[in-house]
């Protein structure tokens, strides 16, 4: 039996840590604006690790020496699926710069700025929690419903829908 392939868009983001600080980027491109982790699209034929390293370098000036894949986020996007590979690193070199993607700044974890992107808390938990490997959104009644998949739980955990689909 032949399976129908589902089109998808592939991206990466990376949680960079320095002592008790995390690096955030203030995006203002009109789509998914707010403070978020640096990252971007995977180019055709590119590995996910290389895409993460390339995007972080382009957007921040920091060269990742090592990086670890720690989770996956996915959601419906029109007639396709949008997949974000979540990485983490505390092993990098270089001087921090801002770019056309946005302003980059270090923040203490307990002093995060106003204006975080809509699912920042879920992404941070997924990148920090060794048992939360994936979260996805389903659309129900025009709202995104987050579903969390933990490797130490038999069933996924469904959270309350809080954001309109497409926002």
C-alpha atoms as a PDB file:
ATOM      1  CA  UNK A   1       0.000   0.000   0.000  1.00  0.00           C
ATOM      2  CA  UNK A   2       1.390   3.368  -1.032  1.00  0.00           C
ATOM      3  CA  UNK A   3       1.196   6.156   1.546  1.00  0.00           C
ATOM      4  CA  UNK A   4       0.366   9.704   0.543  1.00  0.00           C
ATOM      5  CA  UNK A   5       3.214  12.032   1.466  1.00  0.00           C
ATOM      6  CA  UNK A   6       2.337  15.087   3.500  1.00  0.00           C
ATOM      7  CA  UNK A   7       4.066  18.335   2.527  1.00  0.00           C
ATOM      8  CA  UNK A   8       5.905  20.038   5.365  1.00  0.00           C
ATOM      9  CA  UNK A   9       8.012  23.060   6.189  1.00  0.00           C
ATOM     10  CA  UNK A  10      11.134  22.323   8.258  1.00  0.00           C
ATOM     11  CA  UNK A  11      12.684  24.783  10.710  1.00  0.00           C
ATOM     12  CA  UNK A  12      14.971  24.851  13.745  1.00  0.00           C
ATOM     13  CA  UNK A  13      15.260  26.961  16.885  1.00  0.00           C
ATOM     14  CA  UNK A  14      17.947  26.832  19.550  1.00  0.00           C
ATOM     15  CA  UNK A  15      17.976  27.544  23.273  1.00  0.00           C
ATOM     16  CA  UNK A  16      21.407  29.054  23.964  1.00  0.00           C
ATOM     17  CA  UNK A  17      22.323  29.206  27.644  1.00  0.00           C
ATOM     18  CA  UNK A  18      25.061  31.088  29.458  1.00  0.00           C
ATOM     19  CA  UNK A  19      25.119  30.459  33.211  1.00  0.00           C
ATOM     20  CA  UNK A  20      21.582  31.435  34.336  1.00  0.00           C
ATOM     21  CA  UNK A  21      20.822  33.402  31.148  1.00  0.00           C
ATOM     22  CA  UNK A  22      19.144  32.508  27.870  1.00  0.00           C
ATOM     23  CA  UNK A  23      19.530  34.225  24.508  1.00  0.00           C
ATOM     24  CA  UNK A  24      16.379  35.656  22.943  1.00  0.00           C
ATOM     25  CA  UNK A  25      15.693  37.418  19.673  1.00  0.00           C
ATOM     26  CA  UNK A  26      13.014  40.076  19.227  1.00  0.00           C
ATOM     27  CA  UNK A  27      11.401  39.289  15.900  1.00  0.00           C
ATOM     28  CA  UNK A  28       9.425  41.994  14.155  1.00  0.00           C
ATOM     29  CA  UNK A  29       8.781  40.689  10.673  1.00  0.00           C
ATOM     30  CA  UNK A  30       4.979  40.757  10.897  1.00  0.00           C
ATOM     31  CA  UNK A  31       4.644  37.023  11.520  1.00  0.00           C
ATOM     32  CA  UNK A  32       5.230  35.351  14.894  1.00  0.00           C
ATOM     33  CA  UNK A  33       6.518  38.616  16.366  1.00  0.00           C
ATOM     34  CA  UNK A  34       7.949  38.854  19.866  1.00  0.00           C
ATOM     35  CA  UNK A  35      10.850  37.485  21.872  1.00  0.00           C
ATOM     36  CA  UNK A  36      11.814  33.984  20.760  1.00  0.00           C
ATOM     37  CA  UNK A  37      14.829  31.725  20.316  1.00  0.00           C
ATOM     38  CA  UNK A  38      17.062  32.193  17.242  1.00  0.00           C
ATOM     39  CA  UNK A  39      16.565  29.828  14.344  1.00  0.00           C
ATOM     40  CA  UNK A  40      15.100  29.475  10.893  1.00  0.00           C
ATOM     41  CA  UNK A  41      14.348  27.322   7.884  1.00  0.00           C
ATOM     42  CA  UNK A  42      16.181  24.173   6.849  1.00  0.00           C
ATOM     43  CA  UNK A  43      17.513  24.500   3.314  1.00  0.00           C
ATOM     44  CA  UNK A  44      16.979  21.762   0.721  1.00  0.00           C
ATOM     45  CA  UNK A  45      19.312  18.821   1.427  1.00  0.00           C
ATOM     46  CA  UNK A  46      20.680  20.394   4.631  1.00  0.00           C
ATOM     47  CA  UNK A  47      20.942  18.429   7.870  1.00  0.00           C
ATOM     48  CA  UNK A  48      18.909  19.705  10.812  1.00  0.00           C
ATOM     49  CA  UNK A  49      22.041  20.128  12.947  1.00  0.00           C
ATOM     50  CA  UNK A  50      23.781  22.129  10.235  1.00  0.00           C
ATOM     51  CA  UNK A  51      20.662  24.265   9.698  1.00  0.00           C
ATOM     52  CA  UNK A  52      20.567  25.062  13.418  1.00  0.00           C
ATOM     53  CA  UNK A  53      24.239  26.002  13.505  1.00  0.00           C
ATOM     54  CA  UNK A  54      23.979  28.068  10.313  1.00  0.00           C
ATOM     55  CA  UNK A  55      20.869  29.958  11.423  1.00  0.00           C
ATOM     56  CA  UNK A  56      22.308  30.761  14.860  1.00  0.00           C
ATOM     57  CA  UNK A  57      25.535  32.036  13.267  1.00  0.00           C
ATOM     58  CA  UNK A  58      23.671  34.153  10.685  1.00  0.00           C
ATOM     59  CA  UNK A  59      21.280  35.637  13.220  1.00  0.00           C
ATOM     60  CA  UNK A  60      23.520  36.070  16.286  1.00  0.00           C
ATOM     61  CA  UNK A  61      27.183  35.927  15.228  1.00  0.00           C
ATOM     62  CA  UNK A  62      27.700  32.995  17.613  1.00  0.00           C
ATOM     63  CA  UNK A  63      29.276  29.791  16.286  1.00  0.00           C
ATOM     64  CA  UNK A  64      27.873  26.683  17.962  1.00  0.00           C
ATOM     65  CA  UNK A  65      30.573  24.120  18.708  1.00  0.00           C
ATOM     66  CA  UNK A  66      28.090  21.487  19.875  1.00  0.00           C
ATOM     67  CA  UNK A  67      24.308  21.335  19.775  1.00  0.00           C
ATOM     68  CA  UNK A  68      21.783  18.750  20.955  1.00  0.00           C
ATOM     69  CA  UNK A  69      18.382  17.926  19.466  1.00  0.00           C
ATOM     70  CA  UNK A  70      16.003  17.988  22.437  1.00  0.00           C
ATOM     71  CA  UNK A  71      12.503  18.042  20.982  1.00  0.00           C
ATOM     72  CA  UNK A  72      10.051  18.611  18.154  1.00  0.00           C
ATOM     73  CA  UNK A  73       7.163  21.037  17.780  1.00  0.00           C
ATOM     74  CA  UNK A  74       4.624  20.656  15.003  1.00  0.00           C
ATOM     75  CA  UNK A  75       1.384  22.230  13.868  1.00  0.00           C
ATOM     76  CA  UNK A  76      -0.934  22.324  10.866  1.00  0.00           C
ATOM     77  CA  UNK A  77      -0.046  25.046   8.370  1.00  0.00           C
ATOM     78  CA  UNK A  78      -2.583  25.345   5.579  1.00  0.00           C
ATOM     79  CA  UNK A  79      -2.531  22.045   3.696  1.00  0.00           C
ATOM     80  CA  UNK A  80       0.833  21.080   5.144  1.00  0.00           C
ATOM     81  CA  UNK A  81       2.603  20.586   8.450  1.00  0.00           C
ATOM     82  CA  UNK A  82       5.111  22.982  10.032  1.00  0.00           C
ATOM     83  CA  UNK A  83       7.840  21.120  11.936  1.00  0.00           C
ATOM     84  CA  UNK A  84      10.285  22.853  14.293  1.00  0.00           C
ATOM     85  CA  UNK A  85      13.311  20.915  15.557  1.00  0.00           C
ATOM     86  CA  UNK A  86      14.201  22.165  19.043  1.00  0.00           C
ATOM     87  CA  UNK A  87      17.903  22.328  19.906  1.00  0.00           C
ATOM     88  CA  UNK A  88      19.903  23.377  22.957  1.00  0.00           C
ATOM     89  CA  UNK A  89      23.520  24.499  23.370  1.00  0.00           C
ATOM     90  CA  UNK A  90      25.794  26.052  25.966  1.00  0.00           C
ATOM     91  CA  UNK A  91      28.917  25.501  23.846  1.00  0.00           C
ATOM     92  CA  UNK A  92      29.544  28.399  21.476  1.00  0.00           C
ATOM     93  CA  UNK A  93      32.063  31.109  20.608  1.00  0.00           C
ATOM     94  CA  UNK A  94      32.017  34.578  19.086  1.00  0.00           C
ATOM     95  CA  UNK A  95      30.560  37.984  19.834  1.00  0.00           C
ATOM     96  CA  UNK A  96      26.805  38.515  19.981  1.00  0.00           C
ATOM     97  CA  UNK A  97      25.350  40.704  17.227  1.00  0.00           C
ATOM     98  CA  UNK A  98      21.832  41.618  16.191  1.00  0.00           C
ATOM     99  CA  UNK A  99      20.722  41.027  12.595  1.00  0.00           C
ATOM    100  CA  UNK A 100      17.906  41.812  10.193  1.00  0.00           C
ATOM    101  CA  UNK A 101      16.006  38.994  11.909  1.00  0.00           C
ATOM    102  CA  UNK A 102      15.876  41.032  15.112  1.00  0.00           C
ATOM    103  CA  UNK A 103      17.588  42.304  18.224  1.00  0.00           C
ATOM    104  CA  UNK A 104      19.411  39.659  20.310  1.00  0.00           C
ATOM    105  CA  UNK A 105      19.828  39.926  24.079  1.00  0.00           C
ATOM    106  CA  UNK A 106      20.712  37.751  27.049  1.00  0.00           C
ATOM    107  CA  UNK A 107      18.060  37.510  29.780  1.00  0.00           C
ATOM    108  CA  UNK A 108      18.138  35.921  33.200  1.00  0.00           C
ATOM    109  CA  UNK A 109      15.609  33.085  33.297  1.00  0.00           C
ATOM    110  CA  UNK A 110      13.701  34.739  36.133  1.00  0.00           C
ATOM    111  CA  UNK A 111      13.655  38.152  34.391  1.00  0.00           C
ATOM    112  CA  UNK A 112      12.259  37.375  30.929  1.00  0.00           C
ATOM    113  CA  UNK A 113      10.913  40.339  28.943  1.00  0.00           C
ATOM    114  CA  UNK A 114       7.324  41.219  28.089  1.00  0.00           C
ATOM    115  CA  UNK A 115       6.195  40.262  24.599  1.00  0.00           C
ATOM    116  CA  UNK A 116       7.253  36.612  24.396  1.00  0.00           C
ATOM    117  CA  UNK A 117       5.815  34.697  21.396  1.00  0.00           C
ATOM    118  CA  UNK A 118       2.555  32.852  22.028  1.00  0.00           C
ATOM    119  CA  UNK A 119       3.935  29.414  22.947  1.00  0.00           C
ATOM    120  CA  UNK A 120       7.271  30.443  24.425  1.00  0.00           C
ATOM    121  CA  UNK A 121       6.608  28.634  27.723  1.00  0.00           C
ATOM    122  CA  UNK A 122       5.870  25.341  25.948  1.00  0.00           C
ATOM    123  CA  UNK A 123       8.994  25.599  23.796  1.00  0.00           C
ATOM    124  CA  UNK A 124      11.149  26.397  26.813  1.00  0.00           C
ATOM    125  CA  UNK A 125       9.690  23.462  28.743  1.00  0.00           C
ATOM    126  CA  UNK A 126      10.271  21.145  25.785  1.00  0.00           C
ATOM    127  CA  UNK A 127      13.906  22.244  25.530  1.00  0.00           C
ATOM    128  CA  UNK A 128      14.490  22.015  29.305  1.00  0.00           C
ATOM    129  CA  UNK A 129      12.518  18.859  30.183  1.00  0.00           C
ATOM    130  CA  UNK A 130      14.305  15.646  29.223  1.00  0.00           C
ATOM    131  CA  UNK A 131      10.981  13.769  29.267  1.00  0.00           C
ATOM    132  CA  UNK A 132       8.996  16.122  27.005  1.00  0.00           C
ATOM    133  CA  UNK A 133      10.143  15.179  23.523  1.00  0.00           C
ATOM    134  CA  UNK A 134       7.363  16.542  21.373  1.00  0.00           C
ATOM    135  CA  UNK A 135       4.407  18.839  21.343  1.00  0.00           C
ATOM    136  CA  UNK A 136       1.969  19.434  18.572  1.00  0.00           C
ATOM    137  CA  UNK A 137      -1.079  21.526  17.927  1.00  0.00           C
ATOM    138  CA  UNK A 138      -4.419  20.321  16.635  1.00  0.00           C
ATOM    139  CA  UNK A 139      -7.035  22.771  15.475  1.00  0.00           C
ATOM    140  CA  UNK A 140     -10.396  22.419  17.185  1.00  0.00           C
ATOM    141  CA  UNK A 141     -13.186  24.988  16.770  1.00  0.00           C
ATOM    142  CA  UNK A 142     -10.716  27.450  15.252  1.00  0.00           C
ATOM    143  CA  UNK A 143      -8.305  27.231  18.214  1.00  0.00           C
ATOM    144  CA  UNK A 144      -4.859  25.681  18.544  1.00  0.00           C
ATOM    145  CA  UNK A 145      -4.983  22.845  21.089  1.00  0.00           C
ATOM    146  CA  UNK A 146      -1.523  21.892  22.409  1.00  0.00           C
ATOM    147  CA  UNK A 147      -0.817  18.187  22.959  1.00  0.00           C
ATOM    148  CA  UNK A 148       2.295  17.237  24.950  1.00  0.00           C
ATOM    149  CA  UNK A 149       4.076  13.906  24.504  1.00  0.00           C
ATOM    150  CA  UNK A 150       6.222  12.815  27.457  1.00  0.00           C
ATOM    151  CA  UNK A 151       8.362   9.675  27.207  1.00  0.00           C
ATOM    152  CA  UNK A 152       7.544   8.744  30.812  1.00  0.00           C
ATOM    153  CA  UNK A 153       3.734   8.949  30.445  1.00  0.00           C
ATOM    154  CA  UNK A 154       1.510   6.437  28.684  1.00  0.00           C
ATOM    155  CA  UNK A 155      -0.892   9.032  27.288  1.00  0.00           C
ATOM    156  CA  UNK A 156      -0.304  12.476  25.817  1.00  0.00           C
ATOM    157  CA  UNK A 157      -1.353  15.503  27.860  1.00  0.00           C
ATOM    158  CA  UNK A 158      -3.835  17.869  26.232  1.00  0.00           C
ATOM    159  CA  UNK A 159      -3.784  21.478  27.401  1.00  0.00           C
ATOM    160  CA  UNK A 160      -6.469  24.135  27.145  1.00  0.00           C
ATOM    161  CA  UNK A 161      -6.721  25.923  23.811  1.00  0.00           C
ATOM    162  CA  UNK A 162      -5.765  29.573  24.216  1.00  0.00           C
ATOM    163  CA  UNK A 163      -4.823  30.887  20.769  1.00  0.00           C
ATOM    164  CA  UNK A 164      -6.808  31.252  17.552  1.00  0.00           C
ATOM    165  CA  UNK A 165      -5.536  29.140  14.672  1.00  0.00           C
ATOM    166  CA  UNK A 166      -3.580  31.245  12.234  1.00  0.00           C
ATOM    167  CA  UNK A 167      -2.575  33.844  14.863  1.00  0.00           C
END
